[in-house]
């Protein structure tokens, strides 16, 4: 990604975040209130994630899970008992991601990029894989679109944590590297469309052919 591409991407992120927050602020507040009532905790969920250049930041989401004793994993399968019914709706419609417009506005995230991970994943990248740390994490991304059924996939595994660490995470790294190599504003636009409209997903298949787990 050239310096001019980085600058244009950031300017578009800034403009998009300003417009998005202006239009969706009422919806974010409504979701926050409903989540607060539903979980009996602050409806905003803040969690430390690894950002650009390995810097830590706090991602903001609508809370979709309640705490359950003796369950502490950050890997979430679709049948996770911590997910509330309302939370499942937020997650399925991606409404839980809307507050991340603020993260985009202040430069911690981008609209499109690798999804931000908790410490122990992206911050452990080495060699050529570490190039991904030059990117701002995204609200959506190539791996997010292709693995949109990730939680259902984890449901099918006897060891979801192990499957995530040994299969899904390496596949995501390779997909995100392909995104970086093939970067263009057109690709970003296509990923956003595929996030909103699933029938655009096949247009991305040439970028990830052979990278997905069987």
Protein backbone atom coordinates (compact mmCIF):
# COMPACT_ATOMS: atom_id res chain seq x y z
CA UNK A 1 0.00 0.00 0.00
CA UNK A 2 1.55 3.28 -1.11
CA UNK A 3 1.63 6.45 1.08
CA UNK A 4 -0.96 8.09 -1.18
CA UNK A 5 -3.25 5.08 -0.83
CA UNK A 6 -2.87 5.17 2.95
CA UNK A 7 -3.72 8.88 3.02
CA UNK A 8 -6.78 8.49 0.81
CA UNK A 9 -7.97 5.48 2.81
CA UNK A 10 -7.65 7.48 6.04
CA UNK A 11 -9.50 10.48 4.59
CA UNK A 12 -12.35 8.23 3.44
CA UNK A 13 -12.44 6.57 6.87
CA UNK A 14 -12.62 9.96 8.56
CA UNK A 15 -15.42 11.18 6.30
CA UNK A 16 -17.34 7.91 6.57
CA UNK A 17 -17.06 7.84 10.36
CA UNK A 18 -18.31 11.44 10.68
CA UNK A 19 -21.29 10.72 8.42
CA UNK A 20 -21.97 7.37 10.09
CA UNK A 21 -21.93 8.77 13.61
CA UNK A 22 -24.16 11.66 12.57
CA UNK A 23 -26.73 9.32 11.03
CA UNK A 24 -26.50 6.40 13.48
CA UNK A 25 -25.95 8.11 16.85
CA UNK A 26 -29.61 7.63 17.81
CA UNK A 27 -29.44 3.93 16.88
CA UNK A 28 -26.22 3.41 18.84
CA UNK A 29 -27.80 5.02 21.91
CA UNK A 30 -30.95 2.89 21.53
CA UNK A 31 -28.87 -0.30 21.27
CA UNK A 32 -26.80 0.80 24.27
CA UNK A 33 -29.94 1.31 26.37
CA UNK A 34 -31.45 -2.05 25.34
CA UNK A 35 -28.17 -3.86 26.00
CA UNK A 36 -27.85 -2.18 29.41
CA UNK A 37 -31.32 -3.42 30.37
CA UNK A 38 -30.72 -6.86 28.85
CA UNK A 39 -27.35 -7.58 30.50
CA UNK A 40 -27.78 -5.38 33.59
CA UNK A 41 -24.37 -3.91 32.86
CA UNK A 42 -23.06 -0.98 30.82
CA UNK A 43 -24.42 -1.57 27.32
CA UNK A 44 -21.07 -0.53 25.86
CA UNK A 45 -18.46 -3.31 25.93
CA UNK A 46 -14.85 -2.11 25.94
CA UNK A 47 -12.03 -4.59 25.44
CA UNK A 48 -8.31 -4.23 24.91
CA UNK A 49 -7.25 -5.15 21.37
CA UNK A 50 -4.04 -5.01 19.34
CA UNK A 51 -3.97 -2.14 16.85
CA UNK A 52 -1.66 -0.70 14.24
CA UNK A 53 2.06 -1.19 14.95
CA UNK A 54 1.07 -3.46 17.84
CA UNK A 55 -0.28 -0.61 19.96
CA UNK A 56 -3.08 -1.57 22.33
CA UNK A 57 -6.41 0.25 22.26
CA UNK A 58 -9.92 -0.27 23.58
CA UNK A 59 -12.46 -1.37 21.01
CA UNK A 60 -16.07 -0.29 21.64
CA UNK A 61 -19.00 -2.61 20.93
CA UNK A 62 -22.59 -3.03 22.03
CA UNK A 63 -22.59 -5.61 24.81
CA UNK A 64 -24.10 -8.88 23.56
CA UNK A 65 -23.00 -11.31 26.28
CA UNK A 66 -23.48 -11.77 30.00
CA UNK A 67 -20.81 -13.10 32.30
CA UNK A 68 -21.05 -16.80 33.17
CA UNK A 69 -19.00 -18.28 35.97
CA UNK A 70 -16.03 -20.45 34.90
CA UNK A 71 -16.19 -19.35 31.25
CA UNK A 72 -13.38 -16.97 30.36
CA UNK A 73 -12.38 -17.83 26.78
CA UNK A 74 -12.38 -15.05 24.20
CA UNK A 75 -13.34 -17.54 21.45
CA UNK A 76 -17.09 -17.37 20.89
CA UNK A 77 -19.10 -20.14 19.23
CA UNK A 78 -22.66 -19.58 18.04
CA UNK A 79 -24.12 -21.67 20.87
CA UNK A 80 -22.17 -19.82 23.57
CA UNK A 81 -24.40 -19.65 26.65
CA UNK A 82 -23.07 -16.16 27.39
CA UNK A 83 -24.82 -14.66 24.34
CA UNK A 84 -28.23 -13.24 25.22
CA UNK A 85 -31.19 -13.47 22.82
CA UNK A 86 -31.00 -9.74 22.18
CA UNK A 87 -27.24 -10.03 21.91
CA UNK A 88 -27.62 -12.70 19.21
CA UNK A 89 -29.77 -10.24 17.26
CA UNK A 90 -27.15 -7.51 17.63
CA UNK A 91 -24.41 -9.88 16.46
CA UNK A 92 -26.39 -11.27 13.51
CA UNK A 93 -27.29 -7.79 12.26
CA UNK A 94 -23.81 -6.36 13.10
CA UNK A 95 -25.44 -3.63 15.16
CA UNK A 96 -22.97 -4.46 17.93
CA UNK A 97 -20.17 -3.11 15.69
CA UNK A 98 -21.66 0.37 15.19
CA UNK A 99 -19.85 2.04 18.13
CA UNK A 100 -16.56 1.22 16.41
CA UNK A 101 -17.26 4.20 14.18
CA UNK A 102 -15.73 6.15 17.06
CA UNK A 103 -12.59 3.99 16.90
CA UNK A 104 -12.43 4.78 13.18
CA UNK A 105 -12.94 8.50 13.74
CA UNK A 106 -10.01 8.82 16.16
CA UNK A 107 -7.70 6.76 13.96
CA UNK A 108 -7.53 3.51 15.90
CA UNK A 109 -9.42 1.53 13.25
CA UNK A 110 -10.44 1.62 9.60
CA UNK A 111 -13.67 0.58 7.92
CA UNK A 112 -11.81 -2.29 6.20
CA UNK A 113 -8.85 -4.23 7.56
CA UNK A 114 -7.97 -7.24 9.68
CA UNK A 115 -10.33 -7.59 12.62
CA UNK A 116 -8.65 -6.44 15.85
CA UNK A 117 -7.62 -9.34 18.09
CA UNK A 118 -7.06 -9.62 21.80
CA UNK A 119 -3.39 -9.77 22.86
CA UNK A 120 -1.80 -13.10 22.10
CA UNK A 121 -2.55 -13.22 18.37
CA UNK A 122 -1.65 -10.25 16.14
CA UNK A 123 1.05 -9.08 18.55
CA UNK A 124 2.74 -12.47 18.14
CA UNK A 125 3.09 -12.18 14.35
CA UNK A 126 6.65 -12.59 13.11
CA UNK A 127 8.55 -12.37 9.83
CA UNK A 128 6.57 -11.43 6.74
CA UNK A 129 3.30 -11.93 8.63
CA UNK A 130 4.15 -8.92 10.79
CA UNK A 131 3.40 -6.70 7.78
CA UNK A 132 -0.23 -6.90 8.88
CA UNK A 133 0.62 -4.66 11.84
CA UNK A 134 1.13 -1.79 9.38
CA UNK A 135 -2.65 -1.86 8.78
CA UNK A 136 -5.28 -0.35 11.00
CA UNK A 137 -7.72 -3.03 12.21
CA UNK A 138 -11.08 -2.92 10.44
CA UNK A 139 -14.75 -3.01 11.35
CA UNK A 140 -14.96 -5.55 8.55
CA UNK A 141 -12.40 -7.26 6.34
CA UNK A 142 -11.71 -9.96 3.82
CA UNK A 143 -11.46 -12.71 6.46
CA UNK A 144 -14.60 -11.40 8.20
CA UNK A 145 -16.62 -11.71 5.00
CA UNK A 146 -15.32 -15.11 3.93
CA UNK A 147 -15.62 -16.54 7.46
CA UNK A 148 -18.94 -14.87 8.23
CA UNK A 149 -20.14 -18.26 9.56
CA UNK A 150 -17.18 -18.54 11.95
CA UNK A 151 -19.31 -19.02 15.07
CA UNK A 152 -21.30 -21.84 13.44
CA UNK A 153 -18.03 -23.42 12.28
CA UNK A 154 -16.71 -23.33 15.84
CA UNK A 155 -19.95 -24.96 17.01
CA UNK A 156 -19.00 -28.08 15.07
CA UNK A 157 -15.65 -28.52 16.80
CA UNK A 158 -14.92 -30.54 19.90
CA UNK A 159 -12.19 -28.07 20.85
CA UNK A 160 -13.26 -24.61 19.58
CA UNK A 161 -10.25 -22.86 21.13
CA UNK A 162 -7.80 -25.29 19.56
CA UNK A 163 -9.53 -25.12 16.18
CA UNK A 164 -9.46 -21.33 16.28
CA UNK A 165 -5.76 -21.21 17.16
CA UNK A 166 -4.55 -23.97 14.83
CA UNK A 167 -6.86 -23.60 11.80
CA UNK A 168 -8.91 -20.40 11.68
CA UNK A 169 -6.29 -17.95 12.92
CA UNK A 170 -3.59 -19.05 10.40
CA UNK A 171 -6.21 -18.93 7.62
CA UNK A 172 -7.17 -15.39 8.64
CA UNK A 173 -3.53 -14.29 8.60
CA UNK A 174 -3.11 -15.58 5.05
CA UNK A 175 -6.36 -13.95 3.89
CA UNK A 176 -5.36 -10.63 5.40
CA UNK A 177 -1.95 -10.84 3.72
CA UNK A 178 -3.69 -11.42 0.40
CA UNK A 179 -5.83 -8.34 1.12
CA UNK A 180 -2.70 -6.26 1.76
CA UNK A 181 -1.02 -7.52 -1.41
CA UNK A 182 -4.09 -6.86 -3.59
CA UNK A 183 -5.16 -3.63 -1.88
CA UNK A 184 -7.22 -1.07 -3.79
CA UNK A 185 -10.10 1.24 -2.93
CA UNK A 186 -12.20 -0.91 -5.26
CA UNK A 187 -11.40 -3.95 -3.09
CA UNK A 188 -12.37 -2.04 0.07
CA UNK A 189 -15.65 -1.05 -1.56
CA UNK A 190 -16.32 -4.66 -2.58
CA UNK A 191 -15.62 -5.92 0.95
CA UNK A 192 -18.05 -3.37 2.42
CA UNK A 193 -20.70 -4.44 -0.11
CA UNK A 194 -20.06 -8.11 0.68
CA UNK A 195 -20.47 -7.33 4.38
CA UNK A 196 -23.86 -5.75 3.72
CA UNK A 197 -24.96 -7.96 0.81
CA UNK A 198 -23.74 -11.55 0.95
CA UNK A 199 -24.21 -12.19 -2.79
CA UNK A 200 -21.10 -10.05 -3.42
CA UNK A 201 -18.94 -12.56 -1.50
CA UNK A 202 -18.18 -14.78 -4.54
CA UNK A 203 -16.42 -11.80 -6.12
CA UNK A 204 -13.77 -12.19 -3.40
CA UNK A 205 -13.18 -15.92 -3.87
CA UNK A 206 -10.17 -15.56 -6.23
CA UNK A 207 -8.31 -13.82 -3.39
CA UNK A 208 -8.79 -16.65 -0.89
CA UNK A 209 -8.81 -19.76 -3.07
CA UNK A 210 -7.04 -22.56 -1.21
CA UNK A 211 -6.72 -20.63 2.08
CA UNK A 212 -9.92 -21.75 3.77
CA UNK A 213 -10.03 -24.79 6.06
CA UNK A 214 -11.72 -27.89 4.68
